[in-house]
Structures are given as structure tokens and as C-alpha cells.
Amino acid sequence: MKKTILIILTLFFIGCSNAKTALEITDEYFKKYQSLNNSILNNLNDMVNLLELTEDQKKEYETILKKQYQNLEYQIMEEYYKNDLAIVTVKIQVYDYYQATIEFNEYYQNNLEEFYINGEKDVIKYNDNRLKALANQTNRINHLIEIELEYKENNWHIKQPTKENLEKLHGIYDYNR
């Protein structure tokens, strides 16, 4: 009888505990990128619309970043809790768009005449070629990201990602600094 009551109480407490851990919230965060969640796509669209690109280039850049998100690989390494704060360390693997940008900039510097018409830089051609370099990138790189979370209103919430974490997530982090 005591064993039955213990089992029922255990199931009751497990069933009533809907609060997710910081690790679970972090896992959901990365799955939103992989599945191209609406909030992720809205943020992507807002960011791309701020860029000085043609409409076709904006669409191309969105396609490049969607590929990055969908092919994001991650592994949660550890979690650390201190009171109402948590840090979850995640190893990610993304396309190395930083390397592609470096290689394109070298090509550009060595072939300036290709990008100038009558002494004026052909910005459309420059951006088309830069986007092509990103789209053709197949090399991937690993980064460690620390996701900071705060416990408030009975739930864990991810704090605003750092610029460094966003750069790593997008594959543009300058790892030569």
C-alpha cells in the first residue's frame, strides 16, 4: 500500500511539474533555428531588410542564412546554475562564412579592375560575388557558445544573445582575433 501511494505521489509531482529546465529551453532555442520558426524568420527578415542590397540580393542572403540555420548542428555540453541564473554551454557547428568572406576579400583586392567601371565601384557586382562566395561555402567550423538564462515568473528565459554568440551562430565570427 505504501509503495502504491509513493508511486502515485511520484507520478503526481512529475505530472504537475511543467516547468522546463534551462537546458530544455536552450534545446528549444536551437531547434527553432533548425526548423525556421516564424519568430526566427521574422527577425531574419527584419535584419536583411536593413542591409543595402538589391531585392534579389536580399532574397539570396536570406536563402544563405536559412541554409545556415537548417544545417546548424549543436550539442549541449554542460549547464551551470546559480540562484536565478543559468549558463548552458553549447558546441555548435556552422558553415564558415567568415572564411568565405576572407577569401572573397582577397580575391576582390587582387582583382579590383573586375569590380570597377569607369573608376566607380560596381556595388551590385561586388555584392553578387560576395553572396556567391557565401552560398558556395561548404567548410564548417565549431564554436562554443554560452547561453545565459534568467529564472523569472516561474520559467527560464534566454537573455539577449551577445554579439559574439550571434556572430558564431551566423558563421561570421572572427576567430583570428
N, C-alpha and C. Protein backbone atom coordinates (compact mmCIF):
# COMPACT_ATOMS: atom_id res chain seq x y z
N MET A 1 0.81 -1.18 0.00
CA MET A 1 0.00 0.00 0.00
C MET A 1 0.87 1.26 0.00
N LYS A 2 1.89 1.30 0.87
CA LYS A 2 2.78 2.45 0.92
C LYS A 2 3.49 2.63 -0.42
N LYS A 3 3.86 1.51 -1.04
CA LYS A 3 4.55 1.56 -2.32
C LYS A 3 3.63 2.15 -3.39
N THR A 4 2.38 1.78 -3.38
CA THR A 4 1.40 2.29 -4.33
C THR A 4 1.20 3.79 -4.14
N ILE A 5 1.09 4.24 -2.91
CA ILE A 5 0.91 5.67 -2.62
C ILE A 5 2.14 6.44 -3.08
N LEU A 6 3.32 5.88 -2.82
CA LEU A 6 4.56 6.53 -3.23
C LEU A 6 4.61 6.68 -4.75
N ILE A 7 4.23 5.65 -5.48
CA ILE A 7 4.23 5.70 -6.94
C ILE A 7 3.24 6.75 -7.43
N ILE A 8 2.05 6.79 -6.84
CA ILE A 8 1.03 7.76 -7.24
C ILE A 8 1.51 9.18 -6.96
N LEU A 9 2.10 9.40 -5.78
CA LEU A 9 2.61 10.73 -5.45
C LEU A 9 3.74 11.15 -6.40
N THR A 10 4.61 10.21 -6.72
CA THR A 10 5.70 10.50 -7.65
C THR A 10 5.15 10.90 -9.01
N LEU A 11 4.20 10.13 -9.52
CA LEU A 11 3.59 10.46 -10.82
C LEU A 11 2.86 11.79 -10.76
N PHE A 12 2.21 12.08 -9.62
CA PHE A 12 1.51 13.35 -9.46
C PHE A 12 2.48 14.53 -9.56
N PHE A 13 3.60 14.43 -8.85
CA PHE A 13 4.56 15.53 -8.85
C PHE A 13 5.25 15.67 -10.21
N ILE A 14 5.53 14.56 -10.85
CA ILE A 14 6.12 14.62 -12.19
C ILE A 14 5.13 15.24 -13.16
N GLY A 15 3.89 14.84 -13.08
CA GLY A 15 2.86 15.37 -13.96
C GLY A 15 2.56 16.83 -13.73
N CYS A 16 2.67 17.29 -12.51
CA CYS A 16 2.37 18.68 -12.19
C CYS A 16 3.56 19.59 -12.46
N SER A 17 4.70 19.05 -12.68
CA SER A 17 5.89 19.86 -12.90
C SER A 17 6.06 20.12 -14.40
N ASN A 18 5.49 21.22 -14.87
CA ASN A 18 5.60 21.59 -16.27
C ASN A 18 6.76 22.53 -16.52
N ALA A 19 7.38 23.01 -15.48
CA ALA A 19 8.49 23.94 -15.65
C ALA A 19 9.63 23.24 -16.36
N LYS A 20 10.17 23.92 -17.36
CA LYS A 20 11.28 23.36 -18.13
C LYS A 20 12.59 23.83 -17.54
N THR A 21 13.60 23.02 -17.70
CA THR A 21 14.93 23.38 -17.23
C THR A 21 15.58 24.36 -18.21
N ALA A 22 16.64 24.98 -17.80
CA ALA A 22 17.39 25.87 -18.68
C ALA A 22 17.92 25.09 -19.88
N LEU A 23 18.32 23.86 -19.65
CA LEU A 23 18.81 23.01 -20.74
C LEU A 23 17.70 22.78 -21.77
N GLU A 24 16.49 22.49 -21.32
CA GLU A 24 15.38 22.26 -22.25
C GLU A 24 15.03 23.52 -23.04
N ILE A 25 15.06 24.67 -22.38
CA ILE A 25 14.78 25.93 -23.06
C ILE A 25 15.86 26.21 -24.12
N THR A 26 17.10 25.92 -23.79
CA THR A 26 18.20 26.11 -24.73
C THR A 26 18.05 25.17 -25.93
N ASP A 27 17.69 23.95 -25.67
CA ASP A 27 17.46 22.98 -26.74
C ASP A 27 16.36 23.49 -27.68
N GLU A 28 15.27 23.99 -27.12
CA GLU A 28 14.18 24.54 -27.93
C GLU A 28 14.65 25.73 -28.77
N TYR A 29 15.51 26.56 -28.18
CA TYR A 29 16.05 27.73 -28.87
C TYR A 29 16.75 27.32 -30.16
N PHE A 30 17.62 26.32 -30.09
CA PHE A 30 18.35 25.89 -31.28
C PHE A 30 17.44 25.15 -32.26
N LYS A 31 16.47 24.44 -31.76
CA LYS A 31 15.52 23.77 -32.66
C LYS A 31 14.68 24.78 -33.44
N LYS A 32 14.43 25.94 -32.85
CA LYS A 32 13.70 26.99 -33.57
C LYS A 32 14.50 27.45 -34.79
N TYR A 33 15.80 27.55 -34.66
CA TYR A 33 16.63 27.90 -35.80
C TYR A 33 16.56 26.81 -36.87
N GLN A 34 16.74 25.57 -36.45
CA GLN A 34 16.75 24.47 -37.40
C GLN A 34 15.43 24.33 -38.15
N SER A 35 14.34 24.59 -37.47
CA SER A 35 13.02 24.43 -38.10
C SER A 35 12.51 25.71 -38.75
N LEU A 36 13.32 26.75 -38.72
CA LEU A 36 12.95 28.05 -39.29
C LEU A 36 11.62 28.54 -38.73
N ASN A 37 11.56 28.55 -37.41
CA ASN A 37 10.41 29.05 -36.67
C ASN A 37 10.05 30.46 -37.13
N ASN A 38 8.76 30.80 -37.08
CA ASN A 38 8.30 32.11 -37.55
C ASN A 38 9.02 33.27 -36.89
N SER A 39 9.27 33.19 -35.58
CA SER A 39 9.96 34.30 -34.91
C SER A 39 11.38 34.45 -35.44
N ILE A 40 12.04 33.34 -35.74
CA ILE A 40 13.39 33.37 -36.31
C ILE A 40 13.34 34.01 -37.69
N LEU A 41 12.37 33.59 -38.51
CA LEU A 41 12.25 34.14 -39.86
C LEU A 41 11.90 35.62 -39.85
N ASN A 42 11.06 36.04 -38.91
CA ASN A 42 10.72 37.46 -38.81
C ASN A 42 11.95 38.29 -38.46
N ASN A 43 12.75 37.80 -37.49
CA ASN A 43 13.98 38.50 -37.12
C ASN A 43 14.96 38.55 -38.29
N LEU A 44 15.05 37.44 -39.01
CA LEU A 44 15.94 37.37 -40.18
C LEU A 44 15.49 38.38 -41.23
N ASN A 45 14.21 38.41 -41.50
CA ASN A 45 13.67 39.33 -42.49
C ASN A 45 13.94 40.78 -42.09
N ASP A 46 13.71 41.11 -40.83
CA ASP A 46 13.96 42.47 -40.33
C ASP A 46 15.43 42.85 -40.51
N MET A 47 16.32 41.91 -40.18
CA MET A 47 17.75 42.18 -40.28
C MET A 47 18.17 42.37 -41.73
N VAL A 48 17.71 41.51 -42.61
CA VAL A 48 18.11 41.58 -44.02
C VAL A 48 17.57 42.86 -44.67
N ASN A 49 16.39 43.27 -44.28
CA ASN A 49 15.82 44.49 -44.86
C ASN A 49 16.58 45.75 -44.49
N LEU A 50 17.41 45.69 -43.47
CA LEU A 50 18.23 46.84 -43.10
C LEU A 50 19.49 46.98 -43.96
N LEU A 51 19.81 45.92 -44.70
CA LEU A 51 21.04 45.91 -45.49
C LEU A 51 20.85 46.65 -46.81
N GLU A 52 21.92 47.26 -47.27
CA GLU A 52 21.89 47.96 -48.55
C GLU A 52 22.20 46.99 -49.67
N LEU A 53 21.19 46.19 -50.02
CA LEU A 53 21.28 45.21 -51.08
C LEU A 53 20.07 45.37 -52.00
N THR A 54 20.18 44.86 -53.22
CA THR A 54 19.01 44.84 -54.09
C THR A 54 18.01 43.83 -53.53
N GLU A 55 16.79 43.87 -54.01
CA GLU A 55 15.78 42.91 -53.53
C GLU A 55 16.21 41.48 -53.82
N ASP A 56 16.78 41.23 -54.99
CA ASP A 56 17.26 39.88 -55.32
C ASP A 56 18.40 39.45 -54.40
N GLN A 57 19.28 40.39 -54.08
CA GLN A 57 20.38 40.07 -53.17
C GLN A 57 19.87 39.79 -51.76
N LYS A 58 18.86 40.53 -51.34
CA LYS A 58 18.27 40.28 -50.02
C LYS A 58 17.68 38.88 -49.97
N LYS A 59 16.99 38.48 -51.03
CA LYS A 59 16.42 37.12 -51.08
C LYS A 59 17.53 36.07 -51.04
N GLU A 60 18.60 36.33 -51.77
CA GLU A 60 19.74 35.40 -51.79
C GLU A 60 20.37 35.28 -50.41
N TYR A 61 20.54 36.42 -49.74
CA TYR A 61 21.15 36.40 -48.41
C TYR A 61 20.24 35.67 -47.42
N GLU A 62 18.95 35.88 -47.52
CA GLU A 62 18.01 35.14 -46.67
C GLU A 62 18.14 33.64 -46.91
N THR A 63 18.26 33.24 -48.16
CA THR A 63 18.42 31.82 -48.50
C THR A 63 19.70 31.25 -47.90
N ILE A 64 20.76 32.03 -47.96
CA ILE A 64 22.05 31.61 -47.39
C ILE A 64 21.93 31.40 -45.88
N LEU A 65 21.29 32.34 -45.20
CA LEU A 65 21.16 32.22 -43.74
C LEU A 65 20.17 31.13 -43.35
N LYS A 66 19.14 30.92 -44.14
CA LYS A 66 18.22 29.80 -43.86
C LYS A 66 18.97 28.47 -43.95
N LYS A 67 19.84 28.36 -44.95
CA LYS A 67 20.67 27.15 -45.08
C LYS A 67 21.54 26.98 -43.83
N GLN A 68 22.10 28.10 -43.36
CA GLN A 68 22.92 28.06 -42.15
C GLN A 68 22.10 27.53 -40.97
N TYR A 69 20.91 28.08 -40.79
CA TYR A 69 20.05 27.69 -39.67
C TYR A 69 19.63 26.23 -39.77
N GLN A 70 19.19 25.82 -40.93
CA GLN A 70 18.68 24.45 -41.08
C GLN A 70 19.77 23.41 -40.90
N ASN A 71 21.00 23.77 -41.25
CA ASN A 71 22.12 22.83 -41.14
C ASN A 71 22.93 23.01 -39.87
N LEU A 72 22.45 23.85 -38.98
CA LEU A 72 23.08 24.04 -37.68
C LEU A 72 23.10 22.72 -36.92
N GLU A 73 24.26 22.35 -36.45
CA GLU A 73 24.39 21.18 -35.58
C GLU A 73 24.83 21.68 -34.22
N TYR A 74 24.26 21.10 -33.17
CA TYR A 74 24.63 21.55 -31.83
C TYR A 74 24.61 20.39 -30.86
N GLN A 75 25.40 20.58 -29.83
CA GLN A 75 25.47 19.59 -28.75
C GLN A 75 25.58 20.36 -27.44
N ILE A 76 24.64 20.12 -26.56
CA ILE A 76 24.68 20.78 -25.25
C ILE A 76 25.75 20.08 -24.42
N MET A 77 26.72 20.87 -23.97
CA MET A 77 27.88 20.31 -23.28
C MET A 77 27.69 20.27 -21.77
N GLU A 78 27.21 21.38 -21.20
CA GLU A 78 27.03 21.42 -19.75
C GLU A 78 26.10 22.56 -19.37
N GLU A 79 25.62 22.48 -18.16
CA GLU A 79 24.78 23.55 -17.64
C GLU A 79 25.24 23.88 -16.23
N TYR A 80 25.12 25.16 -15.91
CA TYR A 80 25.57 25.65 -14.61
C TYR A 80 24.46 26.54 -14.06
N TYR A 81 24.10 26.30 -12.80
CA TYR A 81 23.04 27.08 -12.17
C TYR A 81 23.60 27.80 -10.94
N LYS A 82 23.18 29.05 -10.79
CA LYS A 82 23.49 29.80 -9.58
C LYS A 82 22.29 30.71 -9.31
N ASN A 83 21.51 30.30 -8.32
CA ASN A 83 20.29 31.02 -7.95
C ASN A 83 19.36 31.13 -9.15
N ASP A 84 19.04 32.36 -9.59
CA ASP A 84 18.10 32.55 -10.69
C ASP A 84 18.79 32.73 -12.03
N LEU A 85 20.05 32.34 -12.10
CA LEU A 85 20.79 32.44 -13.36
C LEU A 85 21.31 31.06 -13.76
N ALA A 86 21.37 30.86 -15.05
CA ALA A 86 21.92 29.61 -15.58
C ALA A 86 22.76 29.93 -16.81
N ILE A 87 23.78 29.13 -17.00
CA ILE A 87 24.59 29.21 -18.21
C ILE A 87 24.64 27.81 -18.80
N VAL A 88 24.25 27.72 -20.06
CA VAL A 88 24.29 26.45 -20.77
C VAL A 88 25.34 26.58 -21.88
N THR A 89 26.34 25.72 -21.83
CA THR A 89 27.41 25.74 -22.83
C THR A 89 27.03 24.79 -23.95
N VAL A 90 27.09 25.32 -25.17
CA VAL A 90 26.67 24.56 -26.35
C VAL A 90 27.78 24.60 -27.40
N LYS A 91 28.09 23.44 -27.95
CA LYS A 91 29.03 23.35 -29.06
C LYS A 91 28.20 23.36 -30.34
N ILE A 92 28.48 24.31 -31.23
CA ILE A 92 27.75 24.37 -32.49
C ILE A 92 28.70 24.14 -33.65
N GLN A 93 28.12 23.66 -34.75
CA GLN A 93 28.87 23.55 -36.00
C GLN A 93 28.05 24.26 -37.07
N VAL A 94 28.70 25.22 -37.75
CA VAL A 94 28.04 26.04 -38.75
C VAL A 94 28.94 26.16 -39.98
N TYR A 95 28.35 26.64 -41.08
CA TYR A 95 29.17 26.95 -42.26
C TYR A 95 30.09 28.11 -41.90
N ASP A 96 31.31 28.03 -42.36
CA ASP A 96 32.33 29.02 -42.04
C ASP A 96 32.25 30.18 -43.03
N TYR A 97 31.27 31.04 -42.85
CA TYR A 97 31.11 32.20 -43.72
C TYR A 97 32.19 33.24 -43.48
N TYR A 98 32.81 33.20 -42.33
CA TYR A 98 33.94 34.11 -42.06
C TYR A 98 35.08 33.79 -43.04
N GLN A 99 35.42 32.52 -43.17
CA GLN A 99 36.48 32.12 -44.08
C GLN A 99 36.11 32.49 -45.52
N ALA A 100 34.86 32.26 -45.90
CA ALA A 100 34.42 32.61 -47.26
C ALA A 100 34.57 34.11 -47.50
N THR A 101 34.27 34.92 -46.50
CA THR A 101 34.39 36.37 -46.63
C THR A 101 35.85 36.79 -46.77
N ILE A 102 36.72 36.19 -45.99
CA ILE A 102 38.16 36.48 -46.07
C ILE A 102 38.68 36.14 -47.47
N GLU A 103 38.31 34.95 -47.96
CA GLU A 103 38.76 34.52 -49.29
C GLU A 103 38.21 35.43 -50.38
N PHE A 104 36.95 35.85 -50.25
CA PHE A 104 36.39 36.75 -51.24
C PHE A 104 37.09 38.11 -51.20
N ASN A 105 37.36 38.63 -50.01
CA ASN A 105 38.04 39.93 -49.89
C ASN A 105 39.44 39.88 -50.51
N GLU A 106 40.13 38.76 -50.36
CA GLU A 106 41.45 38.60 -51.00
C GLU A 106 41.30 38.61 -52.52
N TYR A 107 40.30 37.89 -53.01
CA TYR A 107 40.06 37.86 -54.46
C TYR A 107 39.74 39.27 -54.96
N TYR A 108 38.88 39.96 -54.23
CA TYR A 108 38.50 41.33 -54.60
C TYR A 108 39.73 42.24 -54.65
N GLN A 109 40.57 42.20 -53.62
CA GLN A 109 41.76 43.06 -53.57
C GLN A 109 42.72 42.76 -54.73
N ASN A 110 42.79 41.50 -55.14
CA ASN A 110 43.70 41.11 -56.22
C ASN A 110 43.09 41.29 -57.60
N ASN A 111 41.81 41.64 -57.69
CA ASN A 111 41.11 41.76 -58.97
C ASN A 111 40.20 42.99 -58.99
N LEU A 112 40.72 44.09 -58.49
CA LEU A 112 39.93 45.31 -58.39
C LEU A 112 39.33 45.74 -59.73
N GLU A 113 40.08 45.58 -60.82
CA GLU A 113 39.60 46.01 -62.13
C GLU A 113 38.30 45.32 -62.53
N GLU A 114 38.09 44.13 -62.00
CA GLU A 114 36.87 43.39 -62.30
C GLU A 114 35.63 44.04 -61.66
N PHE A 115 35.83 44.82 -60.61
CA PHE A 115 34.71 45.37 -59.84
C PHE A 115 34.53 46.87 -60.04
N TYR A 116 35.28 47.47 -60.97
CA TYR A 116 35.17 48.90 -61.21
C TYR A 116 34.83 49.16 -62.67
N ILE A 117 33.91 50.11 -62.86
CA ILE A 117 33.54 50.56 -64.19
C ILE A 117 33.74 52.07 -64.23
N ASN A 118 34.60 52.53 -65.12
CA ASN A 118 34.90 53.97 -65.24
C ASN A 118 35.28 54.58 -63.89
N GLY A 119 36.08 53.87 -63.12
CA GLY A 119 36.55 54.39 -61.84
C GLY A 119 35.57 54.28 -60.70
N GLU A 120 34.39 53.76 -60.96
CA GLU A 120 33.36 53.61 -59.92
C GLU A 120 33.20 52.13 -59.56
N LYS A 121 33.11 51.87 -58.27
CA LYS A 121 32.91 50.50 -57.82
C LYS A 121 31.51 50.04 -58.21
N ASP A 122 31.45 48.86 -58.82
CA ASP A 122 30.16 48.25 -59.18
C ASP A 122 29.67 47.47 -57.95
N VAL A 123 28.91 48.17 -57.12
CA VAL A 123 28.46 47.61 -55.84
C VAL A 123 27.59 46.38 -56.05
N ILE A 124 26.77 46.38 -57.08
CA ILE A 124 25.90 45.23 -57.34
C ILE A 124 26.74 44.01 -57.68
N LYS A 125 27.73 44.18 -58.53
CA LYS A 125 28.60 43.05 -58.89
C LYS A 125 29.39 42.58 -57.67
N TYR A 126 29.89 43.54 -56.88
CA TYR A 126 30.63 43.20 -55.67
C TYR A 126 29.75 42.34 -54.74
N ASN A 127 28.53 42.80 -54.45
CA ASN A 127 27.65 42.06 -53.54
C ASN A 127 27.20 40.73 -54.13
N ASP A 128 26.96 40.68 -55.44
CA ASP A 128 26.60 39.41 -56.07
C ASP A 128 27.71 38.37 -55.87
N ASN A 129 28.95 38.79 -56.08
CA ASN A 129 30.08 37.87 -55.93
C ASN A 129 30.33 37.49 -54.48
N ARG A 130 30.13 38.44 -53.60
CA ARG A 130 30.29 38.15 -52.16
C ARG A 130 29.25 37.13 -51.71
N LEU A 131 28.01 37.31 -52.15
CA LEU A 131 26.94 36.36 -51.80
C LEU A 131 27.19 35.00 -52.42
N LYS A 132 27.74 34.98 -53.63
CA LYS A 132 28.06 33.71 -54.28
C LYS A 132 29.12 32.95 -53.48
N ALA A 133 30.10 33.70 -52.95
CA ALA A 133 31.14 33.07 -52.12
C ALA A 133 30.53 32.43 -50.87
N LEU A 134 29.58 33.11 -50.27
CA LEU A 134 28.90 32.56 -49.08
C LEU A 134 28.08 31.33 -49.46
N ALA A 135 27.33 31.44 -50.54
CA ALA A 135 26.45 30.35 -50.96
C ALA A 135 27.24 29.09 -51.30
N ASN A 136 28.45 29.26 -51.80
CA ASN A 136 29.27 28.10 -52.22
C ASN A 136 30.12 27.53 -51.09
N GLN A 137 30.07 28.13 -49.92
CA GLN A 137 30.90 27.66 -48.81
C GLN A 137 30.40 26.30 -48.32
N THR A 138 31.31 25.36 -48.24
CA THR A 138 30.98 24.03 -47.71
C THR A 138 31.75 23.72 -46.42
N ASN A 139 32.81 24.48 -46.16
CA ASN A 139 33.59 24.25 -44.93
C ASN A 139 32.76 24.65 -43.72
N ARG A 140 32.92 23.86 -42.68
CA ARG A 140 32.19 24.12 -41.44
C ARG A 140 33.18 24.34 -40.30
N ILE A 141 32.68 24.98 -39.26
CA ILE A 141 33.54 25.29 -38.12
C ILE A 141 32.75 25.06 -36.83
N ASN A 142 33.48 24.69 -35.78
CA ASN A 142 32.87 24.50 -34.46
C ASN A 142 33.15 25.72 -33.59
N HIS A 143 32.15 26.08 -32.81
CA HIS A 143 32.28 27.16 -31.83
C HIS A 143 31.61 26.72 -30.54
N LEU A 144 32.07 27.28 -29.44
CA LEU A 144 31.38 27.13 -28.16
C LEU A 144 30.61 28.40 -27.87
N ILE A 145 29.37 28.23 -27.45
CA ILE A 145 28.51 29.35 -27.12
C ILE A 145 28.01 29.14 -25.70
N GLU A 146 27.99 30.22 -24.94
CA GLU A 146 27.40 30.17 -23.60
C GLU A 146 26.08 30.92 -23.65
N ILE A 147 25.00 30.19 -23.44
CA ILE A 147 23.66 30.76 -23.42
C ILE A 147 23.34 31.13 -21.98
N GLU A 148 23.01 32.38 -21.75
CA GLU A 148 22.67 32.84 -20.40
C GLU A 148 21.15 32.88 -20.27
N LEU A 149 20.68 32.34 -19.16
CA LEU A 149 19.25 32.32 -18.90
C LEU A 149 18.97 32.89 -17.53
N GLU A 150 17.78 33.43 -17.38
CA GLU A 150 17.34 34.00 -16.11
C GLU A 150 16.01 33.37 -15.73
N TYR A 151 15.87 33.03 -14.46
CA TYR A 151 14.63 32.43 -13.97
C TYR A 151 13.73 33.53 -13.42
N LYS A 152 12.61 33.74 -14.09
CA LYS A 152 11.64 34.73 -13.62
C LYS A 152 10.25 34.27 -14.03
N GLU A 153 9.29 34.61 -13.21
CA GLU A 153 7.89 34.23 -13.44
C GLU A 153 7.75 32.71 -13.62
N ASN A 154 8.50 31.97 -12.81
CA ASN A 154 8.45 30.50 -12.77
C ASN A 154 8.90 29.82 -14.06
N ASN A 155 9.71 30.50 -14.86
CA ASN A 155 10.24 29.92 -16.09
C ASN A 155 11.65 30.45 -16.36
N TRP A 156 12.40 29.66 -17.10
CA TRP A 156 13.71 30.09 -17.57
C TRP A 156 13.53 30.85 -18.86
N HIS A 157 14.24 31.98 -18.98
CA HIS A 157 14.18 32.83 -20.17
C HIS A 157 15.59 33.10 -20.66
N ILE A 158 15.80 32.95 -21.96
CA ILE A 158 17.11 33.24 -22.53
C ILE A 158 17.30 34.75 -22.58
N LYS A 159 18.45 35.17 -22.07
CA LYS A 159 18.80 36.59 -22.13
C LYS A 159 19.17 36.95 -23.57
N GLN A 160 19.20 38.23 -23.84
CA GLN A 160 19.59 38.70 -25.17
C GLN A 160 20.96 38.11 -25.53
N PRO A 161 21.05 37.41 -26.66
CA PRO A 161 22.35 36.82 -27.04
C PRO A 161 23.39 37.91 -27.26
N THR A 162 24.62 37.60 -26.93
CA THR A 162 25.70 38.55 -27.15
C THR A 162 25.99 38.66 -28.64
N LYS A 163 26.63 39.75 -29.01
CA LYS A 163 27.02 39.95 -30.41
C LYS A 163 27.93 38.79 -30.86
N GLU A 164 28.84 38.40 -29.98
CA GLU A 164 29.76 37.31 -30.29
C GLU A 164 29.00 36.00 -30.55
N ASN A 165 28.02 35.70 -29.71
CA ASN A 165 27.23 34.47 -29.91
C ASN A 165 26.46 34.51 -31.23
N LEU A 166 25.90 35.67 -31.56
CA LEU A 166 25.16 35.79 -32.83
C LEU A 166 26.10 35.64 -34.02
N GLU A 167 27.29 36.22 -33.91
CA GLU A 167 28.27 36.06 -34.99
C GLU A 167 28.67 34.59 -35.15
N LYS A 168 28.85 33.89 -34.06
CA LYS A 168 29.19 32.46 -34.13
C LYS A 168 28.05 31.69 -34.77
N LEU A 169 26.83 31.97 -34.37
CA LEU A 169 25.66 31.29 -34.90
C LEU A 169 25.52 31.52 -36.40
N HIS A 170 25.89 32.70 -36.86
CA HIS A 170 25.78 33.02 -38.28
C HIS A 170 27.02 32.63 -39.08
N GLY A 171 28.04 32.14 -38.39
CA GLY A 171 29.25 31.69 -39.08
C GLY A 171 30.16 32.81 -39.52
N ILE A 172 29.99 34.01 -38.94
CA ILE A 172 30.80 35.16 -39.34
C ILE A 172 31.74 35.64 -38.24
N TYR A 173 31.87 34.85 -37.18
CA TYR A 173 32.71 35.22 -36.05
C TYR A 173 34.18 35.23 -36.48
N ASP A 174 34.87 36.32 -36.15
CA ASP A 174 36.31 36.47 -36.46
C ASP A 174 37.10 35.68 -35.42
N TYR A 175 37.40 34.44 -35.74
CA TYR A 175 38.12 33.58 -34.81
C TYR A 175 39.62 33.81 -34.83
N ASN A 176 40.07 34.79 -35.62
CA ASN A 176 41.50 35.13 -35.66
C ASN A 176 41.84 36.28 -34.73
N ARG A 177 40.88 36.80 -33.99
CA ARG A 177 41.11 37.95 -33.09
C ARG A 177 42.10 37.60 -32.03
